[in-house]
Amino acid sequence: MTAPLLRVRDLTKHFPVKGGLLRRTVAQVKAVDGVSFDIQRGQTLGLVGESGCGKSTLGRAILRLHEPTDGSVELDGTDVIAASGGELKRLRRNMQIIFQDPFASLSPRRTVFETLREPLDVHRIGTAAERRKKVEELLEVVGLRRAVLHRYPHEFSGGQRQRVGIARALALNPKFIVADEAVSALDVSVQSQVLNLIDDLQSEFGISFLFISHDLAVVQHISHQVGVMYLGQLVERASAADLYADPKHPYTRALMSAIPVPDPGKGSERIVLSGDVPSPMSPPSGCPFHTRCPAAMPHCSQIKPALENISSPEQPHWVACHLHTDPTPAQAAAPPAE
């Protein structure tokens, strides 16, 4: 098996909470807490979970838009965390982002031509004539006419603005793109167009994607692998086919039960979780989901389950749940560490 394009290990991002007269750090918001995964070349990892679970923070930490607190990120064998100066600038050519809000992410004072030419200017790629030709080619790739070159963002629809955002992400021919809720602000009909565009671009250019969304139906359509996040941690990860056919973690099952089914006669029973999501400033001991889990056992509040593969090496299915990776009786009886 070939080496993955992106390798993330124990990635952590904590935000300090300041308080008191001297503005000292009094707590930490554990937005991302020890996440590990790989993304193969030319594939998409879909990332799902409730709002506030750390999906967007994870994507930005990988790109170092948020500086990680701990952990490692390797892109095509290069250490992203250790890179600095010119090395980091060169590395950024291979990793880009599509933002959630296509209007807020585009400067209202710049035309489409100026927006798409900017990354080429920053990295000094080609002559002025070559840059203009590249911009025109980018518009054609994302399905926009050259006549829109000198229009401003407010003159476009939401779907057209998102296409401009995708074109900007493609300008430097990246190997990896974080799509952060890239279609959530669009109408359903426009969503399908943008999703098909992303799918076509992946097939044509072999780009790897981290596709962040709260819409499980969208993630199923576009992803090769799917990861489920809860309270800053991955609780399950598998191929899209395996995860949607047989979800293992109780949290994943609850999410799946909320997917609308077109045929009322085939609808599944909705699993309603009790209680609120705990604060990331003071996550529960043991399994982070045990306070809301309908299948929680006594030791779930004491021992944190590791993310383990419960399937074969060829078709791995990773899950962090004592129902599938139960500790030994001695571990279960042991008191929690101070």
C-alpha atoms as a PDB file:
ATOM      1  CA  MET A   1       0.000   0.000   0.000  1.00  0.00           C
ATOM      2  CA  THR A   2       1.339   3.424  -0.943  1.00  0.00           C
ATOM      3  CA  ALA A   3       2.180   5.994   1.707  1.00  0.00           C
ATOM      4  CA  PRO A   4      -0.691   8.390   2.540  1.00  0.00           C
ATOM      5  CA  LEU A   5      -0.519  11.954   1.283  1.00  0.00           C
ATOM      6  CA  LEU A   6      -1.530  13.380   4.678  1.00  0.00           C
ATOM      7  CA  ARG A   7      -0.553  11.832   8.004  1.00  0.00           C
ATOM      8  CA  VAL A   8      -1.957  13.391  11.205  1.00  0.00           C
ATOM      9  CA  ARG A   9      -0.848  12.051  14.592  1.00  0.00           C
ATOM     10  CA  ASP A  10      -2.165  13.082  18.031  1.00  0.00           C
ATOM     11  CA  LEU A  11      -3.017  16.577  16.794  1.00  0.00           C
ATOM     12  CA  THR A  12      -4.092  18.839  19.637  1.00  0.00           C
ATOM     13  CA  LYS A  13      -5.308  22.425  19.743  1.00  0.00           C
ATOM     14  CA  HIS A  14      -6.118  24.035  23.096  1.00  0.00           C
ATOM     15  CA  PHE A  15      -7.185  27.664  23.394  1.00  0.00           C
ATOM     16  CA  PRO A  16      -6.231  29.429  26.639  1.00  0.00           C
ATOM     17  CA  VAL A  17      -8.982  31.091  28.706  1.00  0.00           C
ATOM     18  CA  LYS A  18      -7.780  34.277  30.401  1.00  0.00           C
ATOM     19  CA  GLY A  19      -9.164  35.590  33.662  1.00  0.00           C
ATOM     20  CA  GLY A  20      -8.477  37.772  36.658  1.00  0.00           C
ATOM     21  CA  LEU A  21      -6.877  41.189  36.936  1.00  0.00           C
ATOM     22  CA  LEU A  22      -3.576  39.998  35.444  1.00  0.00           C
ATOM     23  CA  ARG A  23      -5.278  38.088  32.602  1.00  0.00           C
ATOM     24  CA  ARG A  24      -3.629  34.833  33.491  1.00  0.00           C
ATOM     25  CA  THR A  25      -4.567  31.531  31.876  1.00  0.00           C
ATOM     26  CA  VAL A  26      -7.198  29.953  34.130  1.00  0.00           C
ATOM     27  CA  ALA A  27      -8.400  27.145  31.848  1.00  0.00           C
ATOM     28  CA  GLN A  28      -7.980  25.557  28.439  1.00  0.00           C
ATOM     29  CA  VAL A  29     -10.633  24.977  25.771  1.00  0.00           C
ATOM     30  CA  LYS A  30      -9.738  21.554  24.377  1.00  0.00           C
ATOM     31  CA  ALA A  31     -11.060  22.145  20.864  1.00  0.00           C
ATOM     32  CA  VAL A  32      -9.028  19.307  19.313  1.00  0.00           C
ATOM     33  CA  ASP A  33      -7.686  16.654  21.656  1.00  0.00           C
ATOM     34  CA  GLY A  34      -5.355  14.037  20.191  1.00  0.00           C
ATOM     35  CA  VAL A  35      -6.718  13.298  16.699  1.00  0.00           C
ATOM     36  CA  SER A  36      -4.954  10.865  14.344  1.00  0.00           C
ATOM     37  CA  PHE A  37      -5.795   9.774  10.779  1.00  0.00           C
ATOM     38  CA  ASP A  38      -4.398   9.363   7.255  1.00  0.00           C
ATOM     39  CA  ILE A  39      -5.731  10.542   3.902  1.00  0.00           C
ATOM     40  CA  GLN A  40      -4.642   8.634   0.816  1.00  0.00           C
ATOM     41  CA  ARG A  41      -3.732  10.333  -2.447  1.00  0.00           C
ATOM     42  CA  GLY A  42      -6.744  11.296  -4.529  1.00  0.00           C
ATOM     43  CA  GLN A  43      -9.233  10.399  -1.791  1.00  0.00           C
ATOM     44  CA  THR A  44     -11.630  12.294   0.462  1.00  0.00           C
ATOM     45  CA  LEU A  45     -12.018  11.951   4.213  1.00  0.00           C
ATOM     46  CA  GLY A  46     -15.403  13.247   5.319  1.00  0.00           C
ATOM     47  CA  LEU A  47     -15.510  14.662   8.845  1.00  0.00           C
ATOM     48  CA  VAL A  48     -18.861  14.860  10.654  1.00  0.00           C
ATOM     49  CA  GLY A  49     -20.124  15.764  14.102  1.00  0.00           C
ATOM     50  CA  GLU A  50     -22.282  18.260  15.956  1.00  0.00           C
ATOM     51  CA  SER A  51     -21.527  21.972  15.859  1.00  0.00           C
ATOM     52  CA  GLY A  52     -18.694  22.828  18.228  1.00  0.00           C
ATOM     53  CA  CYS A  53     -17.073  19.382  18.147  1.00  0.00           C
ATOM     54  CA  GLY A  54     -13.819  20.768  16.694  1.00  0.00           C
ATOM     55  CA  LYS A  55     -14.138  19.908  12.981  1.00  0.00           C
ATOM     56  CA  SER A  56     -13.218  23.336  11.600  1.00  0.00           C
ATOM     57  CA  THR A  57     -10.496  23.864  14.211  1.00  0.00           C
ATOM     58  CA  LEU A  58      -8.950  20.545  13.176  1.00  0.00           C
ATOM     59  CA  GLY A  59      -8.910  21.555   9.515  1.00  0.00           C
ATOM     60  CA  ARG A  60      -7.325  24.918  10.288  1.00  0.00           C
ATOM     61  CA  ALA A  61      -4.766  23.373  12.635  1.00  0.00           C
ATOM     62  CA  ILE A  62      -3.653  21.008   9.860  1.00  0.00           C
ATOM     63  CA  LEU A  63      -3.038  24.028   7.610  1.00  0.00           C
ATOM     64  CA  ARG A  64      -1.538  25.998  10.526  1.00  0.00           C
ATOM     65  CA  LEU A  65      -4.153  28.707  10.280  1.00  0.00           C
ATOM     66  CA  HIS A  66      -4.350  27.821  13.980  1.00  0.00           C
ATOM     67  CA  GLU A  67      -0.971  26.860  15.417  1.00  0.00           C
ATOM     68  CA  PRO A  68      -1.315  23.330  16.893  1.00  0.00           C
ATOM     69  CA  THR A  69      -0.645  22.863  20.600  1.00  0.00           C
ATOM     70  CA  ASP A  70       0.841  19.400  20.074  1.00  0.00           C
ATOM     71  CA  GLY A  71       1.019  16.543  17.602  1.00  0.00           C
ATOM     72  CA  SER A  72       2.391  16.136  14.102  1.00  0.00           C
ATOM     73  CA  VAL A  73       1.207  16.722  10.538  1.00  0.00           C
ATOM     74  CA  GLU A  74       3.030  15.396   7.479  1.00  0.00           C
ATOM     75  CA  LEU A  75       2.064  16.325   3.923  1.00  0.00           C
ATOM     76  CA  ASP A  76       3.707  14.117   1.314  1.00  0.00           C
ATOM     77  CA  GLY A  77       6.477  13.307   3.786  1.00  0.00           C
ATOM     78  CA  THR A  78       7.145  16.929   4.797  1.00  0.00           C
ATOM     79  CA  ASP A  79       6.711  18.001   8.427  1.00  0.00           C
ATOM     80  CA  VAL A  80       4.125  20.809   8.313  1.00  0.00           C
ATOM     81  CA  ILE A  81       4.499  21.786  11.978  1.00  0.00           C
ATOM     82  CA  ALA A  82       8.287  22.214  11.809  1.00  0.00           C
ATOM     83  CA  ALA A  83       8.256  24.215   8.535  1.00  0.00           C
ATOM     84  CA  SER A  84       8.909  27.949   8.718  1.00  0.00           C
ATOM     85  CA  GLY A  85       9.801  30.892   6.496  1.00  0.00           C
ATOM     86  CA  GLY A  86      10.355  30.043   2.843  1.00  0.00           C
ATOM     87  CA  GLU A  87       9.817  26.333   3.421  1.00  0.00           C
ATOM     88  CA  LEU A  88       6.346  26.959   4.877  1.00  0.00           C
ATOM     89  CA  LYS A  89       5.520  29.329   2.004  1.00  0.00           C
ATOM     90  CA  ARG A  90       6.463  26.648  -0.527  1.00  0.00           C
ATOM     91  CA  LEU A  91       4.492  24.072   1.431  1.00  0.00           C
ATOM     92  CA  ARG A  92       1.364  26.228   1.350  1.00  0.00           C
ATOM     93  CA  ARG A  93       1.269  25.858  -2.425  1.00  0.00           C
ATOM     94  CA  ASN A  94       0.297  22.224  -1.852  1.00  0.00           C
ATOM     95  CA  MET A  95      -2.415  22.781   0.779  1.00  0.00           C
ATOM     96  CA  GLN A  96      -5.386  25.108   0.422  1.00  0.00           C
ATOM     97  CA  ILE A  97      -8.823  25.721   1.942  1.00  0.00           C
ATOM     98  CA  ILE A  98     -12.357  26.370   0.700  1.00  0.00           C
ATOM     99  CA  PHE A  99     -14.172  28.420   3.329  1.00  0.00           C
ATOM    100  CA  GLN A 100     -17.752  27.962   4.460  1.00  0.00           C
ATOM    101  CA  ASP A 101     -19.021  31.453   3.642  1.00  0.00           C
ATOM    102  CA  PRO A 102     -18.174  32.317   0.014  1.00  0.00           C
ATOM    103  CA  PHE A 103     -19.143  35.969   0.513  1.00  0.00           C
ATOM    104  CA  ALA A 104     -17.103  36.609   3.673  1.00  0.00           C
ATOM    105  CA  SER A 105     -14.039  34.830   2.273  1.00  0.00           C
ATOM    106  CA  LEU A 106     -13.829  37.045  -0.838  1.00  0.00           C
ATOM    107  CA  SER A 107     -12.676  40.659  -0.627  1.00  0.00           C
ATOM    108  CA  PRO A 108     -15.520  42.999  -1.705  1.00  0.00           C
ATOM    109  CA  ARG A 109     -12.912  45.421  -3.083  1.00  0.00           C
ATOM    110  CA  ARG A 110     -11.312  42.968  -5.494  1.00  0.00           C
ATOM    111  CA  THR A 111     -12.588  41.687  -8.799  1.00  0.00           C
ATOM    112  CA  VAL A 112     -12.583  37.990  -9.596  1.00  0.00           C
ATOM    113  CA  PHE A 113      -9.464  38.516 -11.707  1.00  0.00           C
ATOM    114  CA  GLU A 114      -7.596  40.189  -8.845  1.00  0.00           C
ATOM    115  CA  THR A 115      -8.719  37.514  -6.364  1.00  0.00           C
ATOM    116  CA  LEU A 116      -7.583  34.606  -8.520  1.00  0.00           C
ATOM    117  CA  ARG A 117      -4.360  36.290  -9.586  1.00  0.00           C
ATOM    118  CA  GLU A 118      -3.277  37.068  -5.993  1.00  0.00           C
ATOM    119  CA  PRO A 119      -1.866  33.598  -5.116  1.00  0.00           C
ATOM    120  CA  LEU A 120       0.021  33.585  -8.425  1.00  0.00           C
ATOM    121  CA  ASP A 121       1.460  37.020  -7.586  1.00  0.00           C
ATOM    122  CA  VAL A 122       2.428  36.000  -4.033  1.00  0.00           C
ATOM    123  CA  HIS A 123       4.301  32.926  -5.259  1.00  0.00           C
ATOM    124  CA  ARG A 124       5.641  34.701  -8.367  1.00  0.00           C
ATOM    125  CA  ILE A 125       4.345  32.150 -10.814  1.00  0.00           C
ATOM    126  CA  GLY A 126       4.671  33.055 -14.492  1.00  0.00           C
ATOM    127  CA  THR A 127       4.604  36.358 -16.334  1.00  0.00           C
ATOM    128  CA  ALA A 128       1.686  38.791 -16.277  1.00  0.00           C
ATOM    129  CA  ALA A 129       0.332  37.286 -19.506  1.00  0.00           C
ATOM    130  CA  GLU A 130       0.713  33.732 -18.165  1.00  0.00           C
ATOM    131  CA  ARG A 131      -1.076  34.671 -14.948  1.00  0.00           C
ATOM    132  CA  ARG A 132      -4.005  36.102 -16.860  1.00  0.00           C
ATOM    133  CA  LYS A 133      -4.207  32.951 -18.968  1.00  0.00           C
ATOM    134  CA  LYS A 134      -4.105  30.827 -15.796  1.00  0.00           C
ATOM    135  CA  VAL A 135      -6.971  32.824 -14.253  1.00  0.00           C
ATOM    136  CA  GLU A 136      -9.052  32.353 -17.397  1.00  0.00           C
ATOM    137  CA  GLU A 137      -8.354  28.617 -17.309  1.00  0.00           C
ATOM    138  CA  LEU A 138      -9.403  28.438 -13.637  1.00  0.00           C
ATOM    139  CA  LEU A 139     -12.736  30.061 -14.429  1.00  0.00           C
ATOM    140  CA  GLU A 140     -13.305  27.557 -17.215  1.00  0.00           C
ATOM    141  CA  VAL A 141     -12.469  24.638 -14.892  1.00  0.00           C
ATOM    142  CA  VAL A 142     -15.109  25.712 -12.335  1.00  0.00           C
ATOM    143  CA  GLY A 143     -17.740  26.448 -14.978  1.00  0.00           C
ATOM    144  CA  LEU A 144     -17.693  30.266 -15.082  1.00  0.00           C
ATOM    145  CA  ARG A 145     -17.464  32.453 -18.183  1.00  0.00           C
ATOM    146  CA  ARG A 146     -14.479  34.709 -18.862  1.00  0.00           C
ATOM    147  CA  ALA A 147     -16.899  37.622 -19.061  1.00  0.00           C
ATOM    148  CA  VAL A 148     -17.107  37.654 -15.232  1.00  0.00           C
ATOM    149  CA  LEU A 149     -13.384  38.413 -14.810  1.00  0.00           C
ATOM    150  CA  HIS A 150     -13.900  42.001 -13.753  1.00  0.00           C
ATOM    151  CA  ARG A 151     -17.012  41.567 -11.609  1.00  0.00           C
ATOM    152  CA  TYR A 152     -17.063  41.937  -7.832  1.00  0.00           C
ATOM    153  CA  PRO A 153     -18.339  39.306  -5.341  1.00  0.00           C
ATOM    154  CA  HIS A 154     -21.653  41.094  -4.707  1.00  0.00           C
ATOM    155  CA  GLU A 155     -22.531  40.633  -8.393  1.00  0.00           C
ATOM    156  CA  PHE A 156     -22.621  36.826  -8.078  1.00  0.00           C
ATOM    157  CA  SER A 157     -25.012  34.278  -6.612  1.00  0.00           C
ATOM    158  CA  GLY A 158     -23.930  32.150  -3.661  1.00  0.00           C
ATOM    159  CA  GLY A 159     -23.120  29.175  -5.878  1.00  0.00           C
ATOM    160  CA  GLN A 160     -21.070  31.316  -8.261  1.00  0.00           C
ATOM    161  CA  ARG A 161     -19.134  32.848  -5.345  1.00  0.00           C
ATOM    162  CA  GLN A 162     -18.328  29.383  -4.036  1.00  0.00           C
ATOM    163  CA  ARG A 163     -17.055  28.436  -7.493  1.00  0.00           C
ATOM    164  CA  VAL A 164     -14.738  31.442  -7.330  1.00  0.00           C
ATOM    165  CA  GLY A 165     -13.562  30.221  -3.909  1.00  0.00           C
ATOM    166  CA  ILE A 166     -12.877  26.771  -5.369  1.00  0.00           C
ATOM    167  CA  ALA A 167     -10.997  28.336  -8.300  1.00  0.00           C
ATOM    168  CA  ARG A 168      -8.838  30.295  -5.846  1.00  0.00           C
ATOM    169  CA  ALA A 169      -8.050  27.093  -3.940  1.00  0.00           C
ATOM    170  CA  LEU A 170      -7.010  25.437  -7.227  1.00  0.00           C
ATOM    171  CA  ALA A 171      -4.811  28.320  -8.424  1.00  0.00           C
ATOM    172  CA  LEU A 172      -1.537  26.823  -7.161  1.00  0.00           C
ATOM    173  CA  ASN A 173      -2.300  23.214  -8.185  1.00  0.00           C
ATOM    174  CA  PRO A 174      -2.459  21.911  -4.584  1.00  0.00           C
ATOM    175  CA  LYS A 175      -2.273  18.279  -3.550  1.00  0.00           C
ATOM    176  CA  PHE A 176      -4.581  18.706  -0.552  1.00  0.00           C
ATOM    177  CA  ILE A 177      -7.635  20.905   0.110  1.00  0.00           C
ATOM    178  CA  VAL A 178      -9.678  21.408   3.278  1.00  0.00           C
ATOM    179  CA  ALA A 179     -13.319  22.002   2.298  1.00  0.00           C
ATOM    180  CA  ASP A 180     -14.804  23.559   5.435  1.00  0.00           C
ATOM    181  CA  GLU A 181     -18.620  23.338   5.193  1.00  0.00           C
ATOM    182  CA  ALA A 182     -18.151  24.241   1.525  1.00  0.00           C
ATOM    183  CA  VAL A 183     -21.806  23.687   0.545  1.00  0.00           C
ATOM    184  CA  SER A 184     -23.724  24.302   3.785  1.00  0.00           C
ATOM    185  CA  ALA A 185     -24.696  27.879   2.866  1.00  0.00           C
ATOM    186  CA  LEU A 186     -26.025  26.905  -0.590  1.00  0.00           C
ATOM    187  CA  ASP A 187     -29.431  25.821  -1.852  1.00  0.00           C
ATOM    188  CA  VAL A 188     -29.865  22.083  -2.365  1.00  0.00           C
ATOM    189  CA  SER A 189     -29.799  22.320  -6.175  1.00  0.00           C
ATOM    190  CA  VAL A 190     -26.620  24.426  -6.072  1.00  0.00           C
ATOM    191  CA  GLN A 191     -25.095  22.056  -3.490  1.00  0.00           C
ATOM    192  CA  SER A 192     -25.312  19.168  -5.930  1.00  0.00           C
ATOM    193  CA  GLN A 193     -23.603  21.222  -8.643  1.00  0.00           C
ATOM    194  CA  VAL A 194     -20.716  22.181  -6.356  1.00  0.00           C
ATOM    195  CA  LEU A 195     -20.367  18.599  -5.017  1.00  0.00           C
ATOM    196  CA  ASN A 196     -20.244  17.242  -8.564  1.00  0.00           C
ATOM    197  CA  LEU A 197     -17.641  19.881  -9.413  1.00  0.00           C
ATOM    198  CA  ILE A 198     -15.457  18.823  -6.456  1.00  0.00           C
ATOM    199  CA  ASP A 199     -15.845  15.185  -7.499  1.00  0.00           C
ATOM    200  CA  ASP A 200     -14.838  15.997 -11.091  1.00  0.00           C
ATOM    201  CA  LEU A 201     -11.827  18.036  -9.942  1.00  0.00           C
ATOM    202  CA  GLN A 202     -10.644  15.160  -7.778  1.00  0.00           C
ATOM    203  CA  SER A 203     -10.939  12.732 -10.675  1.00  0.00           C
ATOM    204  CA  GLU A 204      -9.100  15.090 -13.046  1.00  0.00           C
ATOM    205  CA  PHE A 205      -6.326  16.416 -10.800  1.00  0.00           C
ATOM    206  CA  GLY A 206      -6.002  13.698  -8.113  1.00  0.00           C
ATOM    207  CA  ILE A 207      -6.525  16.143  -5.226  1.00  0.00           C
ATOM    208  CA  SER A 208      -7.063  14.819  -1.696  1.00  0.00           C
ATOM    209  CA  PHE A 209      -9.806  16.465   0.374  1.00  0.00           C
ATOM    210  CA  LEU A 210     -10.705  16.798   4.028  1.00  0.00           C
ATOM    211  CA  PHE A 211     -14.432  17.457   3.614  1.00  0.00           C
ATOM    212  CA  ILE A 212     -15.931  18.955   6.781  1.00  0.00           C
ATOM    213  CA  SER A 213     -19.704  18.947   7.115  1.00  0.00           C
ATOM    214  CA  HIS A 214     -22.572  18.387   9.527  1.00  0.00           C
ATOM    215  CA  ASP A 215     -24.702  16.947   6.700  1.00  0.00           C
ATOM    216  CA  LEU A 216     -24.235  13.173   6.795  1.00  0.00           C
ATOM    217  CA  ALA A 217     -26.042  12.607   3.496  1.00  0.00           C
ATOM    218  CA  VAL A 218     -23.629  14.972   1.701  1.00  0.00           C
ATOM    219  CA  VAL A 219     -20.608  13.308   3.332  1.00  0.00           C
ATOM    220  CA  GLN A 220     -21.821   9.858   2.253  1.00  0.00           C
ATOM    221  CA  HIS A 221     -22.076  11.064  -1.355  1.00  0.00           C
ATOM    222  CA  ILE A 222     -18.575  12.503  -1.637  1.00  0.00           C
ATOM    223  CA  SER A 223     -16.305  10.616   0.805  1.00  0.00           C
ATOM    224  CA  HIS A 224     -14.109   7.530   0.545  1.00  0.00           C
ATOM    225  CA  GLN A 225     -13.483   7.471   4.313  1.00  0.00           C
ATOM    226  CA  VAL A 226     -15.589   9.047   7.084  1.00  0.00           C
ATOM    227  CA  GLY A 227     -14.498  10.186  10.528  1.00  0.00           C
ATOM    228  CA  VAL A 228     -16.916  11.039  13.355  1.00  0.00           C
ATOM    229  CA  MET A 229     -15.849  13.659  15.913  1.00  0.00           C
ATOM    230  CA  TYR A 230     -17.218  14.247  19.393  1.00  0.00           C
ATOM    231  CA  LEU A 231     -15.865  16.806  21.851  1.00  0.00           C
ATOM    232  CA  GLY A 232     -12.592  17.278  19.969  1.00  0.00           C
ATOM    233  CA  GLN A 233     -11.861  13.561  19.487  1.00  0.00           C
ATOM    234  CA  LEU A 234     -12.393  10.982  16.754  1.00  0.00           C
ATOM    235  CA  VAL A 235     -14.772   8.290  18.020  1.00  0.00           C
ATOM    236  CA  GLU A 236     -15.131   6.306  14.792  1.00  0.00           C
ATOM    237  CA  ARG A 237     -13.488   6.112  11.365  1.00  0.00           C
ATOM    238  CA  ALA A 238     -14.075   3.703   8.492  1.00  0.00           C
ATOM    239  CA  SER A 239     -14.808   3.553   4.787  1.00  0.00           C
ATOM    240  CA  ALA A 240     -18.001   5.375   3.871  1.00  0.00           C
ATOM    241  CA  ALA A 241     -19.642   2.102   2.795  1.00  0.00           C
ATOM    242  CA  ASP A 242     -18.822   0.320   6.069  1.00  0.00           C
ATOM    243  CA  LEU A 243     -19.659   3.202   8.370  1.00  0.00           C
ATOM    244  CA  TYR A 244     -23.061   3.927   6.835  1.00  0.00           C
ATOM    245  CA  ALA A 245     -23.956   0.235   6.541  1.00  0.00           C
ATOM    246  CA  ASP A 246     -22.920  -0.711  10.076  1.00  0.00           C
ATOM    247  CA  PRO A 247     -22.056   2.176  12.450  1.00  0.00           C
ATOM    248  CA  LYS A 248     -20.448   0.870  15.638  1.00  0.00           C
ATOM    249  CA  HIS A 249     -20.273   3.822  18.046  1.00  0.00           C
ATOM    250  CA  PRO A 250     -23.522   4.813  19.831  1.00  0.00           C
ATOM    251  CA  TYR A 251     -22.900   8.461  18.884  1.00  0.00           C
ATOM    252  CA  THR A 252     -22.535   7.565  15.206  1.00  0.00           C
ATOM    253  CA  ARG A 253     -25.758   5.549  15.370  1.00  0.00           C
ATOM    254  CA  ALA A 254     -27.575   8.554  16.842  1.00  0.00           C
ATOM    255  CA  LEU A 255     -26.283  10.785  14.042  1.00  0.00           C
ATOM    256  CA  MET A 256     -27.263   8.246  11.380  1.00  0.00           C
ATOM    257  CA  SER A 257     -30.788   7.982  12.768  1.00  0.00           C
ATOM    258  CA  ALA A 258     -31.289  11.682  12.034  1.00  0.00           C
ATOM    259  CA  ILE A 259     -30.674  11.337   8.265  1.00  0.00           C
ATOM    260  CA  PRO A 260     -33.972  11.993   6.417  1.00  0.00           C
ATOM    261  CA  VAL A 261     -35.279   9.016   4.418  1.00  0.00           C
ATOM    262  CA  PRO A 262     -37.294   9.785   1.226  1.00  0.00           C
ATOM    263  CA  ASP A 263     -39.560   6.758   1.762  1.00  0.00           C
ATOM    264  CA  PRO A 264     -41.631   7.135   4.980  1.00  0.00           C
ATOM    265  CA  GLY A 265     -42.170   3.373   5.051  1.00  0.00           C
ATOM    266  CA  LYS A 266     -38.427   2.732   5.347  1.00  0.00           C
ATOM    267  CA  GLY A 267     -37.609   5.298   7.995  1.00  0.00           C
ATOM    268  CA  SER A 268     -35.502   4.228  10.961  1.00  0.00           C
ATOM    269  CA  GLU A 269     -36.330   4.986  14.573  1.00  0.00           C
ATOM    270  CA  ARG A 270     -34.784   8.254  15.701  1.00  0.00           C
ATOM    271  CA  ILE A 271     -32.282   7.998  18.567  1.00  0.00           C
ATOM    272  CA  VAL A 272     -32.636  11.091  20.727  1.00  0.00           C
ATOM    273  CA  LEU A 273     -29.639  11.777  22.954  1.00  0.00           C
ATOM    274  CA  SER A 274     -30.302  13.063  26.454  1.00  0.00           C
ATOM    275  CA  GLY A 275     -28.461  15.946  28.082  1.00  0.00           C
ATOM    276  CA  ASP A 276     -26.221  18.605  26.606  1.00  0.00           C
ATOM    277  CA  VAL A 277     -22.784  18.358  25.052  1.00  0.00           C
ATOM    278  CA  PRO A 278     -20.227  18.823  27.872  1.00  0.00           C
ATOM    279  CA  SER A 279     -18.003  21.881  27.851  1.00  0.00           C
ATOM    280  CA  PRO A 280     -14.643  21.405  26.078  1.00  0.00           C
ATOM    281  CA  MET A 281     -13.120  23.360  28.985  1.00  0.00           C
ATOM    282  CA  SER A 282     -13.933  20.509  31.370  1.00  0.00           C
ATOM    283  CA  PRO A 283     -14.608  17.325  29.377  1.00  0.00           C
ATOM    284  CA  PRO A 284     -15.825  14.293  31.351  1.00  0.00           C
ATOM    285  CA  SER A 285     -13.395  11.658  32.600  1.00  0.00           C
ATOM    286  CA  GLY A 286     -13.264   8.329  30.814  1.00  0.00           C
ATOM    287  CA  CYS A 287     -15.214   8.149  27.570  1.00  0.00           C
ATOM    288  CA  PRO A 288     -16.193  11.707  26.523  1.00  0.00           C
ATOM    289  CA  PHE A 289     -19.607  10.433  25.370  1.00  0.00           C
ATOM    290  CA  HIS A 290     -20.581   8.468  28.490  1.00  0.00           C
ATOM    291  CA  THR A 291     -22.729  11.295  29.944  1.00  0.00           C
ATOM    292  CA  ARG A 292     -25.150  11.008  26.991  1.00  0.00           C
ATOM    293  CA  CYS A 293     -24.634   7.401  25.914  1.00  0.00           C
ATOM    294  CA  PRO A 294     -27.692   5.086  26.125  1.00  0.00           C
ATOM    295  CA  ALA A 295     -25.350   2.070  26.378  1.00  0.00           C
ATOM    296  CA  ALA A 296     -22.913   3.442  28.983  1.00  0.00           C
ATOM    297  CA  MET A 297     -21.371   0.953  31.434  1.00  0.00           C
ATOM    298  CA  PRO A 298     -19.943   1.769  34.901  1.00  0.00           C
ATOM    299  CA  HIS A 299     -16.314   1.778  33.747  1.00  0.00           C
ATOM    300  CA  CYS A 300     -17.081   4.135  30.819  1.00  0.00           C
ATOM    301  CA  SER A 301     -16.859   7.047  33.262  1.00  0.00           C
ATOM    302  CA  GLN A 302     -13.416   5.902  34.461  1.00  0.00           C
ATOM    303  CA  ILE A 303     -11.460   4.525  31.507  1.00  0.00           C
ATOM    304  CA  LYS A 304     -11.047   6.376  28.229  1.00  0.00           C
ATOM    305  CA  PRO A 305     -11.423   3.960  25.287  1.00  0.00           C
ATOM    306  CA  ALA A 306      -8.638   3.982  22.703  1.00  0.00           C
ATOM    307  CA  LEU A 307      -9.420   4.309  19.009  1.00  0.00           C
ATOM    308  CA  GLU A 308      -8.819   0.741  17.839  1.00  0.00           C
ATOM    309  CA  ASN A 309      -9.300  -1.191  14.625  1.00  0.00           C
ATOM    310  CA  ILE A 310     -11.980  -3.834  15.224  1.00  0.00           C
ATOM    311  CA  SER A 311     -11.909  -5.120  11.652  1.00  0.00           C
ATOM    312  CA  SER A 312      -9.227  -6.371   9.258  1.00  0.00           C
ATOM    313  CA  PRO A 313      -6.044  -4.474   8.231  1.00  0.00           C
ATOM    314  CA  GLU A 314      -7.330  -4.447   4.643  1.00  0.00           C
ATOM    315  CA  GLN A 315     -10.703  -2.891   5.582  1.00  0.00           C
ATOM    316  CA  PRO A 316     -10.061  -1.145   8.908  1.00  0.00           C
ATOM    317  CA  HIS A 317     -12.930   0.093  11.054  1.00  0.00           C
ATOM    318  CA  TRP A 318     -11.676   2.230  13.922  1.00  0.00           C
ATOM    319  CA  VAL A 319     -13.870   2.848  16.952  1.00  0.00           C
ATOM    320  CA  ALA A 320     -13.325   4.241  20.446  1.00  0.00           C
ATOM    321  CA  CYS A 321     -15.961   2.455  22.506  1.00  0.00           C
ATOM    322  CA  HIS A 322     -15.840  -0.106  25.337  1.00  0.00           C
ATOM    323  CA  LEU A 323     -18.712  -1.991  23.707  1.00  0.00           C
ATOM    324  CA  HIS A 324     -16.215  -3.144  21.064  1.00  0.00           C
ATOM    325  CA  THR A 325     -12.842  -2.723  22.793  1.00  0.00           C
ATOM    326  CA  ASP A 326     -13.765  -3.668  26.367  1.00  0.00           C
ATOM    327  CA  PRO A 327     -10.961  -3.321  28.971  1.00  0.00           C
ATOM    328  CA  THR A 328      -9.812  -6.170  31.160  1.00  0.00           C
ATOM    329  CA  PRO A 329     -11.665  -6.643  34.489  1.00  0.00           C
ATOM    330  CA  ALA A 330      -8.594  -5.318  36.341  1.00  0.00           C
ATOM    331  CA  GLN A 331      -8.638  -2.136  34.287  1.00  0.00           C
ATOM    332  CA  ALA A 332     -12.374  -1.718  34.747  1.00  0.00           C
ATOM    333  CA  ALA A 333     -12.047  -2.049  38.499  1.00  0.00           C
ATOM    334  CA  ALA A 334      -9.138   0.373  38.761  1.00  0.00           C
ATOM    335  CA  PRO A 335      -9.938   3.879  40.030  1.00  0.00           C
ATOM    336  CA  PRO A 336      -9.426   6.779  37.602  1.00  0.00           C
ATOM    337  CA  ALA A 337      -5.968   8.342  37.570  1.00  0.00           C
ATOM    338  CA  GLU A 338      -5.628  11.622  39.423  1.00  0.00           C
END
